[in-house]
Amino acid sequence: MTCTRASCSGQVTSGQWAVRQILRVDEAERVAYFTASGPPPGVRPRPPLPGVFGHSGGGFAAARAVLVFPETYKVGAVLSGSHDARHFNAGFVEAWDGVDNPEAWGRTSDIDLANTFIDHLSYGRTCCWGFLVRELLGTQPPAYRPAPIAIGPELLAELFA
């Protein structure tokens, strides 16, 4: 970094900060005093990290997204994820990655990456929704109570007619 009373060149701040004013440069001590704020004019701050949800193959993809791109996804909720095809459908991995190729099969396994990530586990669609709301918004989800269904003779007759 090189500074004069008028400007600085090179990296002065990190992240989404911008130098607003150079107050003083002490050349003997090699120190620049400045004010900074962020983000710079015209630059939008980075939005909060999103969450991702998936079921079955989408569950695999949701978990993989959080495992491989933690800087992009804050949280993931997965239902019935197929995280390691080696253990449930060898024909599927063999069709894509070749017969008797455990190294290739391992590259498609979330299990082999999971030690970097598992924090909260969530089961059921309602639990997954609540988990995403709590983790992303930092608040409790609204109470969900399905409306009761009145089962009377008319409904039964309609159902079994």
C-alpha atoms as a PDB file:
ATOM      1  CA  MET A   1       0.000   0.000   0.000  1.00  0.00           C
ATOM      2  CA  THR A   2       1.229   3.472  -0.856  1.00  0.00           C
ATOM      3  CA  CYS A   3      -0.462   6.557   0.606  1.00  0.00           C
ATOM      4  CA  THR A   4      -0.158  10.283   0.178  1.00  0.00           C
ATOM      5  CA  ARG A   5      -2.340  13.010   1.637  1.00  0.00           C
ATOM      6  CA  ALA A   6      -4.543  12.740  -1.454  1.00  0.00           C
ATOM      7  CA  SER A   7      -4.875   9.031  -2.136  1.00  0.00           C
ATOM      8  CA  CYS A   8      -3.916   5.447  -1.315  1.00  0.00           C
ATOM      9  CA  SER A   9      -3.057   2.753  -3.813  1.00  0.00           C
ATOM     10  CA  GLY A  10      -3.083  -0.966  -3.128  1.00  0.00           C
ATOM     11  CA  GLN A  11      -5.373  -2.779  -0.720  1.00  0.00           C
ATOM     12  CA  VAL A  12      -6.150  -0.669   2.316  1.00  0.00           C
ATOM     13  CA  THR A  13      -9.241  -2.407   3.709  1.00  0.00           C
ATOM     14  CA  SER A  14     -10.704  -5.870   3.439  1.00  0.00           C
ATOM     15  CA  GLY A  15     -14.262  -6.978   2.837  1.00  0.00           C
ATOM     16  CA  GLN A  16     -16.887  -4.511   1.698  1.00  0.00           C
ATOM     17  CA  TRP A  17     -15.196  -1.406   3.093  1.00  0.00           C
ATOM     18  CA  ALA A  18     -14.091   1.688   1.245  1.00  0.00           C
ATOM     19  CA  VAL A  19     -11.707   4.449   2.279  1.00  0.00           C
ATOM     20  CA  ARG A  20     -13.747   7.651   2.617  1.00  0.00           C
ATOM     21  CA  GLN A  21     -11.135  10.169   3.730  1.00  0.00           C
ATOM     22  CA  ILE A  22      -7.384  10.148   4.325  1.00  0.00           C
ATOM     23  CA  LEU A  23      -6.826  12.016   7.580  1.00  0.00           C
ATOM     24  CA  ARG A  24      -3.069  11.907   7.912  1.00  0.00           C
ATOM     25  CA  VAL A  25      -0.032  10.000   6.609  1.00  0.00           C
ATOM     26  CA  ASP A  26       2.914   9.491   8.951  1.00  0.00           C
ATOM     27  CA  GLU A  27       5.704   8.627   6.540  1.00  0.00           C
ATOM     28  CA  ALA A  28       8.286   8.132   9.302  1.00  0.00           C
ATOM     29  CA  GLU A  29       6.117   5.513  11.034  1.00  0.00           C
ATOM     30  CA  ARG A  30       4.670   4.296   7.707  1.00  0.00           C
ATOM     31  CA  VAL A  31       1.118   4.647   9.006  1.00  0.00           C
ATOM     32  CA  ALA A  32      -1.930   6.035   7.208  1.00  0.00           C
ATOM     33  CA  TYR A  33      -4.878   7.310   9.207  1.00  0.00           C
ATOM     34  CA  PHE A  34      -8.176   7.240   7.361  1.00  0.00           C
ATOM     35  CA  THR A  35     -11.921   6.861   7.729  1.00  0.00           C
ATOM     36  CA  ALA A  36     -13.680   3.962   6.074  1.00  0.00           C
ATOM     37  CA  SER A  37     -17.200   2.712   5.739  1.00  0.00           C
ATOM     38  CA  GLY A  38     -18.886   0.099   3.692  1.00  0.00           C
ATOM     39  CA  PRO A  39     -20.096  -0.810   1.267  1.00  0.00           C
ATOM     40  CA  PRO A  40     -18.859   1.700  -1.297  1.00  0.00           C
ATOM     41  CA  PRO A  41     -21.448   3.878  -3.039  1.00  0.00           C
ATOM     42  CA  GLY A  42     -23.340   1.972  -5.686  1.00  0.00           C
ATOM     43  CA  VAL A  43     -22.419  -1.452  -4.272  1.00  0.00           C
ATOM     44  CA  ARG A  44     -25.163  -3.447  -2.614  1.00  0.00           C
ATOM     45  CA  PRO A  45     -24.191  -5.297   0.545  1.00  0.00           C
ATOM     46  CA  ARG A  46     -24.092  -9.062   0.225  1.00  0.00           C
ATOM     47  CA  PRO A  47     -27.542 -10.451   0.987  1.00  0.00           C
ATOM     48  CA  PRO A  48     -27.948 -12.994   3.762  1.00  0.00           C
ATOM     49  CA  LEU A  49     -26.953 -16.505   2.762  1.00  0.00           C
ATOM     50  CA  PRO A  50     -29.868 -18.586   1.464  1.00  0.00           C
ATOM     51  CA  GLY A  51     -30.978 -21.997   2.587  1.00  0.00           C
ATOM     52  CA  VAL A  52     -31.657 -25.008   0.421  1.00  0.00           C
ATOM     53  CA  PHE A  53     -34.166 -27.865   0.767  1.00  0.00           C
ATOM     54  CA  GLY A  54     -34.458 -31.161  -1.070  1.00  0.00           C
ATOM     55  CA  HIS A  55     -36.011 -34.616  -1.008  1.00  0.00           C
ATOM     56  CA  SER A  56     -34.486 -37.865  -2.352  1.00  0.00           C
ATOM     57  CA  GLY A  57     -32.146 -36.900  -5.208  1.00  0.00           C
ATOM     58  CA  GLY A  58     -32.887 -33.259  -4.371  1.00  0.00           C
ATOM     59  CA  GLY A  59     -31.826 -34.075  -0.825  1.00  0.00           C
ATOM     60  CA  PHE A  60     -28.510 -35.287  -2.169  1.00  0.00           C
ATOM     61  CA  ALA A  61     -28.180 -32.064  -4.165  1.00  0.00           C
ATOM     62  CA  ALA A  62     -29.163 -29.865  -1.183  1.00  0.00           C
ATOM     63  CA  ALA A  63     -26.625 -31.532   1.109  1.00  0.00           C
ATOM     64  CA  ARG A  64     -23.948 -31.425  -1.596  1.00  0.00           C
ATOM     65  CA  ALA A  65     -24.630 -27.703  -2.130  1.00  0.00           C
ATOM     66  CA  VAL A  66     -24.059 -26.929   1.567  1.00  0.00           C
ATOM     67  CA  LEU A  67     -21.042 -29.230   1.792  1.00  0.00           C
ATOM     68  CA  VAL A  68     -19.276 -27.962  -1.309  1.00  0.00           C
ATOM     69  CA  PHE A  69     -20.390 -24.316  -1.218  1.00  0.00           C
ATOM     70  CA  PRO A  70     -20.636 -23.320   2.475  1.00  0.00           C
ATOM     71  CA  GLU A  71     -19.879 -19.713   1.569  1.00  0.00           C
ATOM     72  CA  THR A  72     -23.057 -19.687  -0.562  1.00  0.00           C
ATOM     73  CA  TYR A  73     -25.579 -21.649   1.525  1.00  0.00           C
ATOM     74  CA  LYS A  74     -26.160 -20.956   5.204  1.00  0.00           C
ATOM     75  CA  VAL A  75     -28.287 -24.010   5.942  1.00  0.00           C
ATOM     76  CA  GLY A  76     -29.788 -27.057   4.274  1.00  0.00           C
ATOM     77  CA  ALA A  77     -32.735 -29.251   5.151  1.00  0.00           C
ATOM     78  CA  VAL A  78     -32.939 -32.713   3.615  1.00  0.00           C
ATOM     79  CA  LEU A  79     -35.665 -35.351   3.550  1.00  0.00           C
ATOM     80  CA  SER A  80     -34.806 -38.899   2.512  1.00  0.00           C
ATOM     81  CA  GLY A  81     -31.621 -37.828   0.802  1.00  0.00           C
ATOM     82  CA  SER A  82     -29.857 -40.452  -1.284  1.00  0.00           C
ATOM     83  CA  HIS A  83     -26.397 -39.474  -0.082  1.00  0.00           C
ATOM     84  CA  ASP A  84     -24.344 -42.498  -1.090  1.00  0.00           C
ATOM     85  CA  ALA A  85     -25.491 -44.533  -4.073  1.00  0.00           C
ATOM     86  CA  ARG A  86     -22.870 -47.186  -3.296  1.00  0.00           C
ATOM     87  CA  HIS A  87     -25.170 -48.365  -0.512  1.00  0.00           C
ATOM     88  CA  PHE A  88     -28.581 -48.260  -2.109  1.00  0.00           C
ATOM     89  CA  ASN A  89     -28.324 -48.574  -5.885  1.00  0.00           C
ATOM     90  CA  ALA A  90     -25.076 -49.915  -7.268  1.00  0.00           C
ATOM     91  CA  GLY A  91     -26.616 -50.122 -10.751  1.00  0.00           C
ATOM     92  CA  PHE A  92     -27.141 -46.368 -10.749  1.00  0.00           C
ATOM     93  CA  VAL A  93     -23.525 -45.482  -9.946  1.00  0.00           C
ATOM     94  CA  GLU A  94     -22.203 -48.172 -12.283  1.00  0.00           C
ATOM     95  CA  ALA A  95     -24.289 -46.718 -15.120  1.00  0.00           C
ATOM     96  CA  TRP A  96     -22.716 -43.280 -14.623  1.00  0.00           C
ATOM     97  CA  ASP A  97     -19.272 -44.000 -13.206  1.00  0.00           C
ATOM     98  CA  GLY A  98     -18.452 -47.436 -14.577  1.00  0.00           C
ATOM     99  CA  VAL A  99     -18.398 -50.922 -13.135  1.00  0.00           C
ATOM    100  CA  ASP A 100     -16.017 -51.615 -10.253  1.00  0.00           C
ATOM    101  CA  ASN A 101     -14.815 -48.048  -9.832  1.00  0.00           C
ATOM    102  CA  PRO A 102     -15.110 -47.327  -6.084  1.00  0.00           C
ATOM    103  CA  GLU A 103     -12.973 -44.174  -6.373  1.00  0.00           C
ATOM    104  CA  ALA A 104     -15.455 -42.618  -8.808  1.00  0.00           C
ATOM    105  CA  TRP A 105     -18.394 -43.775  -6.688  1.00  0.00           C
ATOM    106  CA  GLY A 106     -16.851 -42.100  -3.648  1.00  0.00           C
ATOM    107  CA  ARG A 107     -16.670 -38.749  -5.434  1.00  0.00           C
ATOM    108  CA  THR A 108     -20.477 -38.719  -5.562  1.00  0.00           C
ATOM    109  CA  SER A 109     -20.885 -39.468  -1.850  1.00  0.00           C
ATOM    110  CA  ASP A 110     -22.061 -36.804   0.568  1.00  0.00           C
ATOM    111  CA  ILE A 111     -21.087 -39.166   3.382  1.00  0.00           C
ATOM    112  CA  ASP A 112     -17.400 -38.766   2.582  1.00  0.00           C
ATOM    113  CA  LEU A 113     -17.774 -34.958   2.944  1.00  0.00           C
ATOM    114  CA  ALA A 114     -20.198 -34.874   5.868  1.00  0.00           C
ATOM    115  CA  ASN A 115     -17.592 -34.715   8.624  1.00  0.00           C
ATOM    116  CA  THR A 116     -17.083 -31.073   7.635  1.00  0.00           C
ATOM    117  CA  PHE A 117     -20.673 -30.062   8.127  1.00  0.00           C
ATOM    118  CA  ILE A 118     -23.231 -31.893  10.217  1.00  0.00           C
ATOM    119  CA  ASP A 119     -24.521 -29.609  12.946  1.00  0.00           C
ATOM    120  CA  HIS A 120     -28.300 -29.894  13.186  1.00  0.00           C
ATOM    121  CA  LEU A 121     -30.416 -32.768  11.995  1.00  0.00           C
ATOM    122  CA  SER A 122     -34.050 -32.245  11.099  1.00  0.00           C
ATOM    123  CA  TYR A 123     -36.771 -34.759  10.239  1.00  0.00           C
ATOM    124  CA  GLY A 124     -40.150 -34.337   8.602  1.00  0.00           C
ATOM    125  CA  ARG A 125     -41.451 -31.647   6.290  1.00  0.00           C
ATOM    126  CA  THR A 126     -42.816 -29.485   9.103  1.00  0.00           C
ATOM    127  CA  CYS A 127     -39.571 -29.847  11.024  1.00  0.00           C
ATOM    128  CA  CYS A 128     -37.582 -28.936   7.895  1.00  0.00           C
ATOM    129  CA  TRP A 129     -39.672 -25.828   7.315  1.00  0.00           C
ATOM    130  CA  GLY A 130     -39.277 -24.804  10.951  1.00  0.00           C
ATOM    131  CA  PHE A 131     -35.547 -25.502  10.807  1.00  0.00           C
ATOM    132  CA  LEU A 132     -35.095 -23.289   7.737  1.00  0.00           C
ATOM    133  CA  VAL A 133     -37.139 -20.457   9.281  1.00  0.00           C
ATOM    134  CA  ARG A 134     -35.194 -20.606  12.568  1.00  0.00           C
ATOM    135  CA  GLU A 135     -31.767 -20.808  10.912  1.00  0.00           C
ATOM    136  CA  LEU A 136     -32.346 -18.252   8.142  1.00  0.00           C
ATOM    137  CA  LEU A 137     -34.591 -15.728   9.854  1.00  0.00           C
ATOM    138  CA  GLY A 138     -33.514 -16.273  13.463  1.00  0.00           C
ATOM    139  CA  THR A 139     -37.117 -16.516  14.628  1.00  0.00           C
ATOM    140  CA  GLN A 140     -39.615 -19.193  15.537  1.00  0.00           C
ATOM    141  CA  PRO A 141     -41.872 -20.265  12.657  1.00  0.00           C
ATOM    142  CA  PRO A 142     -45.587 -19.583  12.931  1.00  0.00           C
ATOM    143  CA  ALA A 143     -47.577 -22.360  14.564  1.00  0.00           C
ATOM    144  CA  TYR A 144     -49.068 -24.741  12.059  1.00  0.00           C
ATOM    145  CA  ARG A 145     -52.221 -26.468  13.067  1.00  0.00           C
ATOM    146  CA  PRO A 146     -54.110 -28.218  10.290  1.00  0.00           C
ATOM    147  CA  ALA A 147     -57.794 -27.469  10.477  1.00  0.00           C
ATOM    148  CA  PRO A 148     -59.707 -30.425  11.858  1.00  0.00           C
ATOM    149  CA  ILE A 149     -61.703 -32.403   9.332  1.00  0.00           C
ATOM    150  CA  ALA A 150     -65.173 -33.228  10.452  1.00  0.00           C
ATOM    151  CA  ILE A 151     -65.753 -36.841   9.498  1.00  0.00           C
ATOM    152  CA  GLY A 152     -69.457 -37.475   9.393  1.00  0.00           C
ATOM    153  CA  PRO A 153     -71.752 -39.861   7.542  1.00  0.00           C
ATOM    154  CA  GLU A 154     -71.882 -37.587   4.467  1.00  0.00           C
ATOM    155  CA  LEU A 155     -68.091 -37.490   4.076  1.00  0.00           C
ATOM    156  CA  LEU A 156     -67.775 -41.251   4.632  1.00  0.00           C
ATOM    157  CA  ALA A 157     -70.483 -41.920   2.069  1.00  0.00           C
ATOM    158  CA  GLU A 158     -68.697 -39.668  -0.426  1.00  0.00           C
ATOM    159  CA  LEU A 159     -65.317 -41.299   0.216  1.00  0.00           C
ATOM    160  CA  PHE A 160     -66.531 -44.858  -0.124  1.00  0.00           C
ATOM    161  CA  ALA A 161     -69.232 -44.409  -2.745  1.00  0.00           C
END
